[in-house]
């Protein structure tokens, strides 16, 4: 008897990525929904064996409501290292496997896009690129409002020295910045880099603070009022990790009190379900102190091809 192919629901755009749709269609019968609402997914999910997703381009939180409706679901596959868009505990309770790239060291070691984006946000903020461009578009030609900073005169604090933090530090090092690192779980073996055991000291002495940590109980809202008070009045904060590591209300209060401070972020707290309520997003509409990009850190052609194709391979092995 011929077995029927598993049914796969893809709720993130993949057909622009070389090879992904072809590989998925070899595994099973695929339905594509490039950016559906939760309600649209709930209407059809009961017939599917697998979900393929990515948090960068999906507003659907895979939680209790969806999982209860997914009567046949066996696996959720996400082409990402982060999994905070999935209720993993509830999935496991219902014997649904979660596949991610979190522990795929060899694969993710080839993806530098997010670290490159963190450095891009750093340079764009230091040199006031976006407000200067807006000024030119208005017909102005005045540099005096956009005088920036020079990297080799600055101290960069890198919080989290894993794959991305170490890459970011390497880029800053190439520009001759002083590098301070805080990571209680990783050892920085570079003699050029100063590793401190005290987070307060790192933020106290840093002109730029870049966050490269996973979301956990320890890191959630780690950038909050007590730590912000220890920072320089003209600090630049870079966040390409997850929005939840920053207390946005405290950060906006800090920016209002310190007009020369800035934040450049690629992520927002609760960006999937409740982005419009973000204090940072709302403050960015009236202040040049905030630069926000739409979670594009890992979104390069090369990174997508590596990550998504490997996620498909994991899905194939599981199904």
C-alpha atoms as a PDB file:
ATOM      1  CA  UNK A   1       0.000   0.000   0.000  1.00  0.00           C
ATOM      2  CA  UNK A   2       1.374   3.415  -0.988  1.00  0.00           C
ATOM      3  CA  UNK A   3       1.695   5.801   1.938  1.00  0.00           C
ATOM      4  CA  UNK A   4       0.312   9.287   1.496  1.00  0.00           C
ATOM      5  CA  UNK A   5       2.765  12.156   1.666  1.00  0.00           C
ATOM      6  CA  UNK A   6       2.744  14.328   4.799  1.00  0.00           C
ATOM      7  CA  UNK A   7       0.985  17.676   4.491  1.00  0.00           C
ATOM      8  CA  UNK A   8       3.208  20.686   5.191  1.00  0.00           C
ATOM      9  CA  UNK A   9       1.886  24.193   5.870  1.00  0.00           C
ATOM     10  CA  UNK A  10       4.422  26.941   5.170  1.00  0.00           C
ATOM     11  CA  UNK A  11       3.478  30.189   6.947  1.00  0.00           C
ATOM     12  CA  UNK A  12       6.503  32.299   5.961  1.00  0.00           C
ATOM     13  CA  UNK A  13       7.723  33.350   2.493  1.00  0.00           C
ATOM     14  CA  UNK A  14      10.146  30.764   1.063  1.00  0.00           C
ATOM     15  CA  UNK A  15       9.595  30.649  -2.693  1.00  0.00           C
ATOM     16  CA  UNK A  16      12.152  33.416  -3.287  1.00  0.00           C
ATOM     17  CA  UNK A  17      14.898  31.320  -1.656  1.00  0.00           C
ATOM     18  CA  UNK A  18      16.851  29.102  -4.013  1.00  0.00           C
ATOM     19  CA  UNK A  19      15.953  25.425  -3.640  1.00  0.00           C
ATOM     20  CA  UNK A  20      13.636  25.598  -0.626  1.00  0.00           C
ATOM     21  CA  UNK A  21      10.266  25.074  -2.317  1.00  0.00           C
ATOM     22  CA  UNK A  22      11.650  22.281  -4.519  1.00  0.00           C
ATOM     23  CA  UNK A  23      13.051  20.449  -1.480  1.00  0.00           C
ATOM     24  CA  UNK A  24       9.831  20.886   0.513  1.00  0.00           C
ATOM     25  CA  UNK A  25       7.733  19.522  -2.321  1.00  0.00           C
ATOM     26  CA  UNK A  26       9.905  16.406  -2.458  1.00  0.00           C
ATOM     27  CA  UNK A  27       9.041  15.740   1.186  1.00  0.00           C
ATOM     28  CA  UNK A  28       5.280  16.246   1.114  1.00  0.00           C
ATOM     29  CA  UNK A  29       2.235  18.067  -0.153  1.00  0.00           C
ATOM     30  CA  UNK A  30       2.937  21.731   0.509  1.00  0.00           C
ATOM     31  CA  UNK A  31       0.549  24.641   1.050  1.00  0.00           C
ATOM     32  CA  UNK A  32       2.092  28.119   1.013  1.00  0.00           C
ATOM     33  CA  UNK A  33       0.672  31.006   3.043  1.00  0.00           C
ATOM     34  CA  UNK A  34       3.256  33.756   2.828  1.00  0.00           C
ATOM     35  CA  UNK A  35       2.047  35.953   5.691  1.00  0.00           C
ATOM     36  CA  UNK A  36      -1.253  34.651   7.080  1.00  0.00           C
ATOM     37  CA  UNK A  37      -3.172  35.758  10.136  1.00  0.00           C
ATOM     38  CA  UNK A  38      -3.736  33.333  12.998  1.00  0.00           C
ATOM     39  CA  UNK A  39      -7.385  33.102  11.985  1.00  0.00           C
ATOM     40  CA  UNK A  40      -6.454  32.061   8.444  1.00  0.00           C
ATOM     41  CA  UNK A  41      -4.153  29.342   9.769  1.00  0.00           C
ATOM     42  CA  UNK A  42      -6.789  28.092  12.236  1.00  0.00           C
ATOM     43  CA  UNK A  43      -9.221  27.538   9.356  1.00  0.00           C
ATOM     44  CA  UNK A  44      -7.054  24.845   7.747  1.00  0.00           C
ATOM     45  CA  UNK A  45      -4.462  23.649  10.276  1.00  0.00           C
ATOM     46  CA  UNK A  46      -6.433  20.559  11.317  1.00  0.00           C
ATOM     47  CA  UNK A  47      -5.326  18.720   8.157  1.00  0.00           C
ATOM     48  CA  UNK A  48      -1.555  19.299   8.399  1.00  0.00           C
ATOM     49  CA  UNK A  49       1.272  17.132   9.707  1.00  0.00           C
ATOM     50  CA  UNK A  50       3.929  19.869   9.821  1.00  0.00           C
ATOM     51  CA  UNK A  51       4.334  23.645  10.018  1.00  0.00           C
ATOM     52  CA  UNK A  52       7.334  25.424   8.506  1.00  0.00           C
ATOM     53  CA  UNK A  53       7.887  28.947   9.851  1.00  0.00           C
ATOM     54  CA  UNK A  54      10.314  31.740  10.688  1.00  0.00           C
ATOM     55  CA  UNK A  55       9.726  34.516  13.257  1.00  0.00           C
ATOM     56  CA  UNK A  56      11.124  37.258  11.033  1.00  0.00           C
ATOM     57  CA  UNK A  57       8.201  37.033   8.626  1.00  0.00           C
ATOM     58  CA  UNK A  58       5.233  35.556  10.419  1.00  0.00           C
ATOM     59  CA  UNK A  59       2.755  37.218  12.737  1.00  0.00           C
ATOM     60  CA  UNK A  60       1.448  33.818  13.867  1.00  0.00           C
ATOM     61  CA  UNK A  61       2.344  32.751  17.392  1.00  0.00           C
ATOM     62  CA  UNK A  62       2.324  28.974  17.567  1.00  0.00           C
ATOM     63  CA  UNK A  63       0.637  28.624  20.929  1.00  0.00           C
ATOM     64  CA  UNK A  64      -2.164  26.754  22.639  1.00  0.00           C
ATOM     65  CA  UNK A  65      -4.996  27.929  20.365  1.00  0.00           C
ATOM     66  CA  UNK A  66      -3.222  26.866  17.201  1.00  0.00           C
ATOM     67  CA  UNK A  67      -1.797  23.647  18.621  1.00  0.00           C
ATOM     68  CA  UNK A  68      -5.188  22.554  19.979  1.00  0.00           C
ATOM     69  CA  UNK A  69      -6.675  23.023  16.520  1.00  0.00           C
ATOM     70  CA  UNK A  70      -3.842  21.126  14.817  1.00  0.00           C
ATOM     71  CA  UNK A  71      -5.201  17.630  15.400  1.00  0.00           C
ATOM     72  CA  UNK A  72      -2.666  15.875  13.134  1.00  0.00           C
ATOM     73  CA  UNK A  73       0.370  18.055  13.774  1.00  0.00           C
ATOM     74  CA  UNK A  74       3.593  16.141  14.420  1.00  0.00           C
ATOM     75  CA  UNK A  75       6.304  18.774  14.006  1.00  0.00           C
ATOM     76  CA  UNK A  76       6.940  22.518  13.927  1.00  0.00           C
ATOM     77  CA  UNK A  77      10.056  23.438  11.960  1.00  0.00           C
ATOM     78  CA  UNK A  78      11.448  26.969  12.270  1.00  0.00           C
ATOM     79  CA  UNK A  79      14.309  28.248  10.119  1.00  0.00           C
ATOM     80  CA  UNK A  80      15.744  30.251  13.014  1.00  0.00           C
ATOM     81  CA  UNK A  81      17.870  29.930  16.116  1.00  0.00           C
ATOM     82  CA  UNK A  82      15.238  31.712  18.206  1.00  0.00           C
ATOM     83  CA  UNK A  83      12.067  29.884  19.257  1.00  0.00           C
ATOM     84  CA  UNK A  84      10.187  32.510  21.281  1.00  0.00           C
ATOM     85  CA  UNK A  85       7.428  32.491  18.631  1.00  0.00           C
ATOM     86  CA  UNK A  86       6.503  28.946  19.719  1.00  0.00           C
ATOM     87  CA  UNK A  87       5.001  27.689  22.984  1.00  0.00           C
ATOM     88  CA  UNK A  88       7.517  24.885  23.247  1.00  0.00           C
ATOM     89  CA  UNK A  89       6.312  23.516  26.579  1.00  0.00           C
ATOM     90  CA  UNK A  90       2.748  23.109  25.319  1.00  0.00           C
ATOM     91  CA  UNK A  91       3.976  21.571  22.066  1.00  0.00           C
ATOM     92  CA  UNK A  92       6.026  18.998  23.961  1.00  0.00           C
ATOM     93  CA  UNK A  93       3.033  18.207  26.188  1.00  0.00           C
ATOM     94  CA  UNK A  94       1.174  17.267  23.017  1.00  0.00           C
ATOM     95  CA  UNK A  95       4.061  15.197  21.565  1.00  0.00           C
ATOM     96  CA  UNK A  96       4.798  17.756  18.853  1.00  0.00           C
ATOM     97  CA  UNK A  97       8.472  18.023  17.913  1.00  0.00           C
ATOM     98  CA  UNK A  98      10.181  21.393  17.582  1.00  0.00           C
ATOM     99  CA  UNK A  99      12.959  21.661  15.005  1.00  0.00           C
ATOM    100  CA  UNK A 100      15.184  24.750  15.001  1.00  0.00           C
ATOM    101  CA  UNK A 101      18.731  25.796  14.176  1.00  0.00           C
ATOM    102  CA  UNK A 102      19.603  26.621  17.789  1.00  0.00           C
ATOM    103  CA  UNK A 103      22.169  23.836  18.200  1.00  0.00           C
ATOM    104  CA  UNK A 104      23.250  23.559  14.566  1.00  0.00           C
ATOM    105  CA  UNK A 105      26.723  24.954  15.254  1.00  0.00           C
ATOM    106  CA  UNK A 106      28.371  24.043  11.971  1.00  0.00           C
ATOM    107  CA  UNK A 107      25.527  25.551   9.955  1.00  0.00           C
ATOM    108  CA  UNK A 108      25.070  28.790  11.864  1.00  0.00           C
ATOM    109  CA  UNK A 109      28.838  29.338  12.046  1.00  0.00           C
ATOM    110  CA  UNK A 110      28.621  30.107   8.324  1.00  0.00           C
ATOM    111  CA  UNK A 111      26.024  32.841   8.862  1.00  0.00           C
ATOM    112  CA  UNK A 112      27.483  36.228   9.762  1.00  0.00           C
ATOM    113  CA  UNK A 113      24.594  38.404   8.567  1.00  0.00           C
ATOM    114  CA  UNK A 114      23.216  39.432  11.967  1.00  0.00           C
ATOM    115  CA  UNK A 115      26.630  40.480  13.284  1.00  0.00           C
ATOM    116  CA  UNK A 116      27.202  42.458  10.094  1.00  0.00           C
ATOM    117  CA  UNK A 117      23.852  44.166  10.582  1.00  0.00           C
ATOM    118  CA  UNK A 118      24.727  45.054  14.189  1.00  0.00           C
ATOM    119  CA  UNK A 119      27.884  46.720  12.898  1.00  0.00           C
ATOM    120  CA  UNK A 120      25.892  48.473  10.164  1.00  0.00           C
ATOM    121  CA  UNK A 121      23.491  49.882  12.774  1.00  0.00           C
ATOM    122  CA  UNK A 122      26.504  51.001  14.805  1.00  0.00           C
ATOM    123  CA  UNK A 123      28.118  52.942  11.973  1.00  0.00           C
ATOM    124  CA  UNK A 124      24.811  54.355  10.695  1.00  0.00           C
ATOM    125  CA  UNK A 125      24.048  55.695  14.174  1.00  0.00           C
ATOM    126  CA  UNK A 126      27.526  57.038  14.882  1.00  0.00           C
ATOM    127  CA  UNK A 127      27.550  58.932  11.571  1.00  0.00           C
ATOM    128  CA  UNK A 128      23.878  60.036  11.626  1.00  0.00           C
ATOM    129  CA  UNK A 129      23.271  58.561   8.176  1.00  0.00           C
ATOM    130  CA  UNK A 130      19.478  58.384   8.289  1.00  0.00           C
ATOM    131  CA  UNK A 131      18.786  61.935   9.570  1.00  0.00           C
ATOM    132  CA  UNK A 132      21.427  63.322   7.201  1.00  0.00           C
ATOM    133  CA  UNK A 133      19.763  61.591   4.264  1.00  0.00           C
ATOM    134  CA  UNK A 134      16.364  62.949   5.315  1.00  0.00           C
ATOM    135  CA  UNK A 135      17.849  66.432   5.492  1.00  0.00           C
ATOM    136  CA  UNK A 136      19.239  66.166   1.954  1.00  0.00           C
ATOM    137  CA  UNK A 137      15.853  64.966   0.680  1.00  0.00           C
ATOM    138  CA  UNK A 138      14.382  68.193   2.064  1.00  0.00           C
ATOM    139  CA  UNK A 139      16.821  70.194  -0.072  1.00  0.00           C
ATOM    140  CA  UNK A 140      19.222  70.980   2.757  1.00  0.00           C
ATOM    141  CA  UNK A 141      23.024  70.649   2.663  1.00  0.00           C
ATOM    142  CA  UNK A 142      24.300  71.273   6.194  1.00  0.00           C
ATOM    143  CA  UNK A 143      26.757  68.973   7.979  1.00  0.00           C
ATOM    144  CA  UNK A 144      26.737  70.818  11.315  1.00  0.00           C
ATOM    145  CA  UNK A 145      23.714  68.923  12.679  1.00  0.00           C
ATOM    146  CA  UNK A 146      25.223  65.545  11.793  1.00  0.00           C
ATOM    147  CA  UNK A 147      28.717  65.557  13.247  1.00  0.00           C
ATOM    148  CA  UNK A 148      29.445  61.978  14.235  1.00  0.00           C
ATOM    149  CA  UNK A 149      31.927  59.877  16.209  1.00  0.00           C
ATOM    150  CA  UNK A 150      35.107  58.059  15.196  1.00  0.00           C
ATOM    151  CA  UNK A 151      35.369  54.352  16.082  1.00  0.00           C
ATOM    152  CA  UNK A 152      39.049  54.297  17.009  1.00  0.00           C
ATOM    153  CA  UNK A 153      38.359  56.805  19.779  1.00  0.00           C
ATOM    154  CA  UNK A 154      35.521  54.795  21.329  1.00  0.00           C
ATOM    155  CA  UNK A 155      35.015  51.899  23.744  1.00  0.00           C
ATOM    156  CA  UNK A 156      32.611  49.160  22.697  1.00  0.00           C
ATOM    157  CA  UNK A 157      30.933  46.931  25.278  1.00  0.00           C
ATOM    158  CA  UNK A 158      29.887  43.568  23.859  1.00  0.00           C
ATOM    159  CA  UNK A 159      27.344  41.755  26.026  1.00  0.00           C
ATOM    160  CA  UNK A 160      27.312  38.113  25.010  1.00  0.00           C
ATOM    161  CA  UNK A 161      30.425  36.682  23.358  1.00  0.00           C
ATOM    162  CA  UNK A 162      28.971  33.762  21.447  1.00  0.00           C
ATOM    163  CA  UNK A 163      29.056  33.390  17.679  1.00  0.00           C
ATOM    164  CA  UNK A 164      27.533  36.780  16.878  1.00  0.00           C
ATOM    165  CA  UNK A 165      29.073  38.732  19.724  1.00  0.00           C
ATOM    166  CA  UNK A 166      32.560  37.538  18.828  1.00  0.00           C
ATOM    167  CA  UNK A 167      32.029  38.400  15.162  1.00  0.00           C
ATOM    168  CA  UNK A 168      30.771  41.878  16.063  1.00  0.00           C
ATOM    169  CA  UNK A 169      33.768  42.396  18.347  1.00  0.00           C
ATOM    170  CA  UNK A 170      36.067  41.379  15.491  1.00  0.00           C
ATOM    171  CA  UNK A 171      34.515  44.005  13.201  1.00  0.00           C
ATOM    172  CA  UNK A 172      34.896  46.719  15.855  1.00  0.00           C
ATOM    173  CA  UNK A 173      38.451  45.579  16.522  1.00  0.00           C
ATOM    174  CA  UNK A 174      39.233  46.030  12.799  1.00  0.00           C
ATOM    175  CA  UNK A 175      38.270  49.700  13.267  1.00  0.00           C
ATOM    176  CA  UNK A 176      40.637  49.979  16.260  1.00  0.00           C
ATOM    177  CA  UNK A 177      37.969  50.454  18.920  1.00  0.00           C
ATOM    178  CA  UNK A 178      38.651  49.387  22.498  1.00  0.00           C
ATOM    179  CA  UNK A 179      36.612  46.224  23.182  1.00  0.00           C
ATOM    180  CA  UNK A 180      35.123  45.239  26.547  1.00  0.00           C
ATOM    181  CA  UNK A 181      33.275  41.937  26.828  1.00  0.00           C
ATOM    182  CA  UNK A 182      30.804  40.629  29.391  1.00  0.00           C
ATOM    183  CA  UNK A 183      29.828  36.964  29.206  1.00  0.00           C
ATOM    184  CA  UNK A 184      29.901  34.714  32.285  1.00  0.00           C
ATOM    185  CA  UNK A 185      29.676  31.598  30.098  1.00  0.00           C
ATOM    186  CA  UNK A 186      32.251  32.284  27.375  1.00  0.00           C
ATOM    187  CA  UNK A 187      35.957  32.980  27.487  1.00  0.00           C
ATOM    188  CA  UNK A 188      37.387  35.676  25.212  1.00  0.00           C
ATOM    189  CA  UNK A 189      40.808  34.358  24.215  1.00  0.00           C
ATOM    190  CA  UNK A 190      41.816  37.411  22.207  1.00  0.00           C
ATOM    191  CA  UNK A 191      44.550  39.456  23.947  1.00  0.00           C
ATOM    192  CA  UNK A 192      43.167  42.578  22.257  1.00  0.00           C
ATOM    193  CA  UNK A 193      39.851  42.155  24.090  1.00  0.00           C
ATOM    194  CA  UNK A 194      39.274  42.985  27.764  1.00  0.00           C
ATOM    195  CA  UNK A 195      36.828  40.611  29.425  1.00  0.00           C
ATOM    196  CA  UNK A 196      35.239  41.926  32.622  1.00  0.00           C
ATOM    197  CA  UNK A 197      33.315  39.943  35.226  1.00  0.00           C
ATOM    198  CA  UNK A 198      31.180  42.929  36.170  1.00  0.00           C
ATOM    199  CA  UNK A 199      28.380  44.036  33.823  1.00  0.00           C
ATOM    200  CA  UNK A 200      28.081  47.378  35.602  1.00  0.00           C
ATOM    201  CA  UNK A 201      31.701  48.210  34.752  1.00  0.00           C
ATOM    202  CA  UNK A 202      31.217  47.296  31.085  1.00  0.00           C
ATOM    203  CA  UNK A 203      28.242  49.636  30.670  1.00  0.00           C
ATOM    204  CA  UNK A 204      29.899  52.376  32.736  1.00  0.00           C
ATOM    205  CA  UNK A 205      32.951  52.640  30.470  1.00  0.00           C
ATOM    206  CA  UNK A 206      31.363  51.877  27.080  1.00  0.00           C
ATOM    207  CA  UNK A 207      30.422  54.442  24.449  1.00  0.00           C
ATOM    208  CA  UNK A 208      28.633  51.709  22.502  1.00  0.00           C
ATOM    209  CA  UNK A 209      26.842  48.723  24.052  1.00  0.00           C
ATOM    210  CA  UNK A 210      25.896  45.877  21.733  1.00  0.00           C
ATOM    211  CA  UNK A 211      23.634  43.022  22.856  1.00  0.00           C
ATOM    212  CA  UNK A 212      24.204  39.463  21.620  1.00  0.00           C
ATOM    213  CA  UNK A 213      22.332  37.273  24.110  1.00  0.00           C
ATOM    214  CA  UNK A 214      19.550  34.696  24.026  1.00  0.00           C
ATOM    215  CA  UNK A 215      16.288  35.439  25.827  1.00  0.00           C
ATOM    216  CA  UNK A 216      16.179  33.761  29.238  1.00  0.00           C
ATOM    217  CA  UNK A 217      15.063  34.575  32.774  1.00  0.00           C
ATOM    218  CA  UNK A 218      18.522  36.032  33.294  1.00  0.00           C
ATOM    219  CA  UNK A 219      18.491  38.300  30.233  1.00  0.00           C
ATOM    220  CA  UNK A 220      14.831  39.353  29.984  1.00  0.00           C
ATOM    221  CA  UNK A 221      14.664  43.135  30.579  1.00  0.00           C
ATOM    222  CA  UNK A 222      18.371  43.191  31.502  1.00  0.00           C
ATOM    223  CA  UNK A 223      18.591  46.688  30.010  1.00  0.00           C
ATOM    224  CA  UNK A 224      16.424  48.440  32.586  1.00  0.00           C
ATOM    225  CA  UNK A 225      16.422  51.536  34.747  1.00  0.00           C
ATOM    226  CA  UNK A 226      19.135  50.481  37.272  1.00  0.00           C
ATOM    227  CA  UNK A 227      21.581  49.505  34.506  1.00  0.00           C
ATOM    228  CA  UNK A 228      20.690  52.452  32.276  1.00  0.00           C
ATOM    229  CA  UNK A 229      21.550  54.823  35.124  1.00  0.00           C
ATOM    230  CA  UNK A 230      25.120  53.500  35.025  1.00  0.00           C
ATOM    231  CA  UNK A 231      25.556  54.241  31.303  1.00  0.00           C
ATOM    232  CA  UNK A 232      27.123  57.292  29.707  1.00  0.00           C
ATOM    233  CA  UNK A 233      24.732  60.120  28.845  1.00  0.00           C
ATOM    234  CA  UNK A 234      25.635  59.793  25.158  1.00  0.00           C
ATOM    235  CA  UNK A 235      25.725  55.987  24.964  1.00  0.00           C
ATOM    236  CA  UNK A 236      24.677  54.144  21.819  1.00  0.00           C
ATOM    237  CA  UNK A 237      22.815  50.861  22.452  1.00  0.00           C
ATOM    238  CA  UNK A 238      22.676  48.255  19.669  1.00  0.00           C
ATOM    239  CA  UNK A 239      20.240  45.342  19.824  1.00  0.00           C
ATOM    240  CA  UNK A 240      20.066  42.600  17.201  1.00  0.00           C
ATOM    241  CA  UNK A 241      19.287  39.804  19.672  1.00  0.00           C
ATOM    242  CA  UNK A 242      15.677  39.887  20.897  1.00  0.00           C
ATOM    243  CA  UNK A 243      13.463  42.785  21.904  1.00  0.00           C
ATOM    244  CA  UNK A 244      12.648  41.218  25.247  1.00  0.00           C
ATOM    245  CA  UNK A 245      16.150  41.851  26.614  1.00  0.00           C
ATOM    246  CA  UNK A 246      15.336  45.575  26.805  1.00  0.00           C
ATOM    247  CA  UNK A 247      12.748  47.229  29.035  1.00  0.00           C
ATOM    248  CA  UNK A 248      11.396  49.597  26.412  1.00  0.00           C
ATOM    249  CA  UNK A 249       9.605  51.976  28.780  1.00  0.00           C
ATOM    250  CA  UNK A 250      12.729  52.415  30.911  1.00  0.00           C
ATOM    251  CA  UNK A 251      14.822  52.902  27.774  1.00  0.00           C
ATOM    252  CA  UNK A 252      12.539  55.598  26.373  1.00  0.00           C
ATOM    253  CA  UNK A 253      12.622  57.392  29.737  1.00  0.00           C
ATOM    254  CA  UNK A 254      16.432  57.247  29.622  1.00  0.00           C
ATOM    255  CA  UNK A 255      16.509  58.662  26.088  1.00  0.00           C
ATOM    256  CA  UNK A 256      14.197  61.505  27.046  1.00  0.00           C
ATOM    257  CA  UNK A 257      16.496  62.393  29.939  1.00  0.00           C
ATOM    258  CA  UNK A 258      19.668  62.096  27.824  1.00  0.00           C
ATOM    259  CA  UNK A 259      19.216  63.787  24.467  1.00  0.00           C
ATOM    260  CA  UNK A 260      22.572  62.588  23.114  1.00  0.00           C
ATOM    261  CA  UNK A 261      21.925  58.913  23.846  1.00  0.00           C
ATOM    262  CA  UNK A 262      20.702  56.631  21.065  1.00  0.00           C
ATOM    263  CA  UNK A 263      19.424  53.142  20.439  1.00  0.00           C
ATOM    264  CA  UNK A 264      19.533  51.228  17.154  1.00  0.00           C
ATOM    265  CA  UNK A 265      17.535  48.024  17.191  1.00  0.00           C
ATOM    266  CA  UNK A 266      16.506  45.314  14.757  1.00  0.00           C
ATOM    267  CA  UNK A 267      14.014  43.801  17.203  1.00  0.00           C
ATOM    268  CA  UNK A 268      11.150  44.867  19.455  1.00  0.00           C
ATOM    269  CA  UNK A 269       9.592  43.254  22.495  1.00  0.00           C
ATOM    270  CA  UNK A 270       6.503  41.288  21.512  1.00  0.00           C
ATOM    271  CA  UNK A 271       7.103  42.247  17.875  1.00  0.00           C
ATOM    272  CA  UNK A 272       5.027  39.376  16.485  1.00  0.00           C
ATOM    273  CA  UNK A 273       1.757  39.991  18.315  1.00  0.00           C
ATOM    274  CA  UNK A 274       1.772  43.499  19.751  1.00  0.00           C
ATOM    275  CA  UNK A 275       4.331  45.578  17.887  1.00  0.00           C
ATOM    276  CA  UNK A 276       2.166  48.701  17.570  1.00  0.00           C
ATOM    277  CA  UNK A 277       2.191  49.165  21.350  1.00  0.00           C
ATOM    278  CA  UNK A 278       5.995  49.314  21.506  1.00  0.00           C
ATOM    279  CA  UNK A 279       7.240  52.375  23.426  1.00  0.00           C
ATOM    280  CA  UNK A 280      10.415  52.405  21.317  1.00  0.00           C
ATOM    281  CA  UNK A 281       8.485  52.290  18.059  1.00  0.00           C
ATOM    282  CA  UNK A 282       6.202  55.113  19.152  1.00  0.00           C
ATOM    283  CA  UNK A 283       9.098  57.238  20.411  1.00  0.00           C
ATOM    284  CA  UNK A 284      10.965  56.728  17.113  1.00  0.00           C
ATOM    285  CA  UNK A 285       8.169  58.610  15.353  1.00  0.00           C
ATOM    286  CA  UNK A 286       9.107  61.814  17.158  1.00  0.00           C
ATOM    287  CA  UNK A 287      12.813  61.339  17.909  1.00  0.00           C
ATOM    288  CA  UNK A 288      15.976  60.752  15.869  1.00  0.00           C
ATOM    289  CA  UNK A 289      17.446  58.993  18.919  1.00  0.00           C
ATOM    290  CA  UNK A 290      15.882  55.723  17.802  1.00  0.00           C
ATOM    291  CA  UNK A 291      16.739  53.762  14.669  1.00  0.00           C
ATOM    292  CA  UNK A 292      14.630  50.654  14.011  1.00  0.00           C
ATOM    293  CA  UNK A 293      14.910  48.044  11.273  1.00  0.00           C
ATOM    294  CA  UNK A 294      12.333  45.317  10.693  1.00  0.00           C
ATOM    295  CA  UNK A 295      14.200  42.268  12.053  1.00  0.00           C
ATOM    296  CA  UNK A 296      16.363  42.060   8.934  1.00  0.00           C
ATOM    297  CA  UNK A 297      19.567  41.039  10.703  1.00  0.00           C
ATOM    298  CA  UNK A 298      19.682  37.523   9.320  1.00  0.00           C
ATOM    299  CA  UNK A 299      17.844  38.368   6.132  1.00  0.00           C
ATOM    300  CA  UNK A 300      20.485  38.183   3.449  1.00  0.00           C
ATOM    301  CA  UNK A 301      20.277  35.985   0.374  1.00  0.00           C
ATOM    302  CA  UNK A 302      23.178  33.869   1.566  1.00  0.00           C
ATOM    303  CA  UNK A 303      21.937  33.492   5.147  1.00  0.00           C
ATOM    304  CA  UNK A 304      18.456  32.509   4.027  1.00  0.00           C
ATOM    305  CA  UNK A 305      19.742  29.889   1.624  1.00  0.00           C
ATOM    306  CA  UNK A 306      21.959  28.307   4.292  1.00  0.00           C
ATOM    307  CA  UNK A 307      19.380  28.456   7.118  1.00  0.00           C
ATOM    308  CA  UNK A 308      16.187  27.560   5.289  1.00  0.00           C
ATOM    309  CA  UNK A 309      17.670  24.716   3.270  1.00  0.00           C
ATOM    310  CA  UNK A 310      19.155  23.170   6.393  1.00  0.00           C
ATOM    311  CA  UNK A 311      15.827  23.526   8.212  1.00  0.00           C
ATOM    312  CA  UNK A 312      14.163  21.680   5.330  1.00  0.00           C
ATOM    313  CA  UNK A 313      16.773  18.923   5.637  1.00  0.00           C
ATOM    314  CA  UNK A 314      15.943  18.548   9.350  1.00  0.00           C
ATOM    315  CA  UNK A 315      12.259  18.383   8.495  1.00  0.00           C
ATOM    316  CA  UNK A 316      12.914  15.697   5.893  1.00  0.00           C
ATOM    317  CA  UNK A 317      14.868  13.586   8.402  1.00  0.00           C
ATOM    318  CA  UNK A 318      12.064  13.894  10.958  1.00  0.00           C
ATOM    319  CA  UNK A 319       9.133  13.200   8.629  1.00  0.00           C
END
